[in-house]
Amino acid sequence: MGVFEFIILLVLISTLGKVLSDRADSRALSQGGSRADAEEIERLRSAVDDLSARLSFLEEERDFYRDLLEAPDDDRALPSSHEVPPEPRD
């Protein structure tokens, strides 16, 4: 083996090492990135669930007050003094 072949072999081994190293780094980043993406998706899912629960509560409250406002006037009116039985005296 001559000097020329030895230099080509060293360049080839060096290039192969760099390619394998870059590939391993990119795989580690993609796996780490997918975990981070999965965690972010889980946080978003949790936030959406919280907002859905709050929205449901607000809708129930809205319906309650809407029913109160739409109730007939007779139901909302205070009883007159002659309709209220007198309080017992001790």
C-alpha atoms as a PDB file:
ATOM      1  CA  MET A   1       0.000   0.000   0.000  1.00  0.00           C
ATOM      2  CA  GLY A   2       1.379   3.319  -1.013  1.00  0.00           C
ATOM      3  CA  VAL A   3       1.097   6.717   0.617  1.00  0.00           C
ATOM      4  CA  PHE A   4      -1.660   7.764  -1.763  1.00  0.00           C
ATOM      5  CA  GLU A   5      -3.842   4.734  -0.939  1.00  0.00           C
ATOM      6  CA  PHE A   6      -3.170   5.231   2.805  1.00  0.00           C
ATOM      7  CA  ILE A   7      -4.356   8.891   2.635  1.00  0.00           C
ATOM      8  CA  ILE A   8      -7.487   7.883   0.695  1.00  0.00           C
ATOM      9  CA  LEU A   9      -8.215   5.170   3.310  1.00  0.00           C
ATOM     10  CA  LEU A  10      -7.830   7.701   6.173  1.00  0.00           C
ATOM     11  CA  VAL A  11     -10.137  10.210   4.415  1.00  0.00           C
ATOM     12  CA  LEU A  12     -12.676   7.457   3.785  1.00  0.00           C
ATOM     13  CA  ILE A  13     -12.629   6.288   7.434  1.00  0.00           C
ATOM     14  CA  SER A  14     -12.839   9.892   8.688  1.00  0.00           C
ATOM     15  CA  THR A  15     -15.773  10.673   6.389  1.00  0.00           C
ATOM     16  CA  LEU A  16     -17.564   7.476   7.397  1.00  0.00           C
ATOM     17  CA  GLY A  17     -17.081   8.340  11.096  1.00  0.00           C
ATOM     18  CA  LYS A  18     -18.475  11.859  10.602  1.00  0.00           C
ATOM     19  CA  VAL A  19     -21.508  10.569   8.682  1.00  0.00           C
ATOM     20  CA  LEU A  20     -22.299   7.970  11.345  1.00  0.00           C
ATOM     21  CA  SER A  21     -21.837  10.529  14.126  1.00  0.00           C
ATOM     22  CA  ASP A  22     -24.130  13.060  12.413  1.00  0.00           C
ATOM     23  CA  ARG A  23     -26.717  10.377  11.846  1.00  0.00           C
ATOM     24  CA  ALA A  24     -26.653   9.327  15.493  1.00  0.00           C
ATOM     25  CA  ASP A  25     -27.034  12.970  16.576  1.00  0.00           C
ATOM     26  CA  SER A  26     -29.958  13.550  14.236  1.00  0.00           C
ATOM     27  CA  ARG A  27     -31.685  10.402  15.510  1.00  0.00           C
ATOM     28  CA  ALA A  28     -31.208  11.500  19.113  1.00  0.00           C
ATOM     29  CA  LEU A  29     -32.640  14.923  18.289  1.00  0.00           C
ATOM     30  CA  SER A  30     -35.609  13.473  16.441  1.00  0.00           C
ATOM     31  CA  GLN A  31     -36.413  11.096  19.302  1.00  0.00           C
ATOM     32  CA  GLY A  32     -35.999  13.859  21.872  1.00  0.00           C
ATOM     33  CA  GLY A  33     -38.067  16.164  19.705  1.00  0.00           C
ATOM     34  CA  SER A  34     -40.870  13.631  19.462  1.00  0.00           C
ATOM     35  CA  ARG A  35     -40.943  13.292  23.233  1.00  0.00           C
ATOM     36  CA  ALA A  36     -41.072  17.058  23.593  1.00  0.00           C
ATOM     37  CA  ASP A  37     -43.812  17.181  20.980  1.00  0.00           C
ATOM     38  CA  ALA A  38     -45.757  14.467  22.806  1.00  0.00           C
ATOM     39  CA  GLU A  39     -45.430  16.371  26.089  1.00  0.00           C
ATOM     40  CA  GLU A  40     -46.562  19.575  24.411  1.00  0.00           C
ATOM     41  CA  ILE A  41     -49.541  17.792  22.869  1.00  0.00           C
ATOM     42  CA  GLU A  42     -50.444  16.390  26.297  1.00  0.00           C
ATOM     43  CA  ARG A  43     -50.267  19.890  27.844  1.00  0.00           C
ATOM     44  CA  LEU A  44     -52.473  21.251  25.069  1.00  0.00           C
ATOM     45  CA  ARG A  45     -54.955  18.399  25.572  1.00  0.00           C
ATOM     46  CA  SER A  46     -55.062  19.161  29.297  1.00  0.00           C
ATOM     47  CA  ALA A  47     -55.627  22.870  28.636  1.00  0.00           C
ATOM     48  CA  VAL A  48     -58.447  22.096  26.192  1.00  0.00           C
ATOM     49  CA  ASP A  49     -60.068  19.771  28.748  1.00  0.00           C
ATOM     50  CA  ASP A  50     -59.890  22.524  31.402  1.00  0.00           C
ATOM     51  CA  LEU A  51     -61.397  25.050  29.015  1.00  0.00           C
ATOM     52  CA  SER A  52     -64.158  22.613  28.066  1.00  0.00           C
ATOM     53  CA  ALA A  53     -65.047  22.109  31.720  1.00  0.00           C
ATOM     54  CA  ARG A  54     -65.128  25.871  32.322  1.00  0.00           C
ATOM     55  CA  LEU A  55     -67.236  26.409  29.222  1.00  0.00           C
ATOM     56  CA  SER A  56     -69.681  23.737  30.319  1.00  0.00           C
ATOM     57  CA  PHE A  57     -70.021  25.399  33.732  1.00  0.00           C
ATOM     58  CA  LEU A  58     -70.560  28.804  32.132  1.00  0.00           C
ATOM     59  CA  GLU A  59     -73.205  27.384  29.797  1.00  0.00           C
ATOM     60  CA  GLU A  60     -75.066  25.857  32.740  1.00  0.00           C
ATOM     61  CA  GLU A  61     -74.889  29.151  34.607  1.00  0.00           C
ATOM     62  CA  ARG A  62     -76.094  31.045  31.520  1.00  0.00           C
ATOM     63  CA  ASP A  63     -79.042  28.692  31.117  1.00  0.00           C
ATOM     64  CA  PHE A  64     -79.926  29.055  34.784  1.00  0.00           C
ATOM     65  CA  TYR A  65     -80.004  32.848  34.608  1.00  0.00           C
ATOM     66  CA  ARG A  66     -81.814  32.775  31.262  1.00  0.00           C
ATOM     67  CA  ASP A  67     -84.519  30.604  32.841  1.00  0.00           C
ATOM     68  CA  LEU A  68     -84.759  33.051  35.735  1.00  0.00           C
ATOM     69  CA  LEU A  69     -85.178  35.983  33.385  1.00  0.00           C
ATOM     70  CA  GLU A  70     -87.700  34.216  31.181  1.00  0.00           C
ATOM     71  CA  ALA A  71     -89.830  32.988  34.102  1.00  0.00           C
ATOM     72  CA  PRO A  72     -93.329  34.454  34.270  1.00  0.00           C
ATOM     73  CA  ASP A  73     -93.636  37.661  36.278  1.00  0.00           C
ATOM     74  CA  ASP A  74     -95.929  35.998  38.821  1.00  0.00           C
ATOM     75  CA  ASP A  75     -93.204  33.563  39.882  1.00  0.00           C
ATOM     76  CA  ARG A  76     -90.628  36.296  40.354  1.00  0.00           C
ATOM     77  CA  ALA A  77     -92.867  38.746  42.176  1.00  0.00           C
ATOM     78  CA  LEU A  78     -92.642  39.013  45.932  1.00  0.00           C
ATOM     79  CA  PRO A  79     -95.740  37.850  47.754  1.00  0.00           C
ATOM     80  CA  SER A  80     -97.951  40.635  48.985  1.00  0.00           C
ATOM     81  CA  SER A  81     -98.344  41.243  52.691  1.00  0.00           C
ATOM     82  CA  HIS A  82    -101.821  39.694  52.873  1.00  0.00           C
ATOM     83  CA  GLU A  83    -100.553  36.436  51.343  1.00  0.00           C
ATOM     84  CA  VAL A  84     -97.786  35.986  53.896  1.00  0.00           C
ATOM     85  CA  PRO A  85     -98.991  34.262  57.050  1.00  0.00           C
ATOM     86  CA  PRO A  86     -98.218  36.166  60.239  1.00  0.00           C
ATOM     87  CA  GLU A  87     -95.269  35.019  62.241  1.00  0.00           C
ATOM     88  CA  PRO A  88     -96.062  33.285  65.498  1.00  0.00           C
ATOM     89  CA  ARG A  89     -95.298  35.326  68.597  1.00  0.00           C
ATOM     90  CA  ASP A  90     -93.687  33.759  71.576  1.00  0.00           C
END
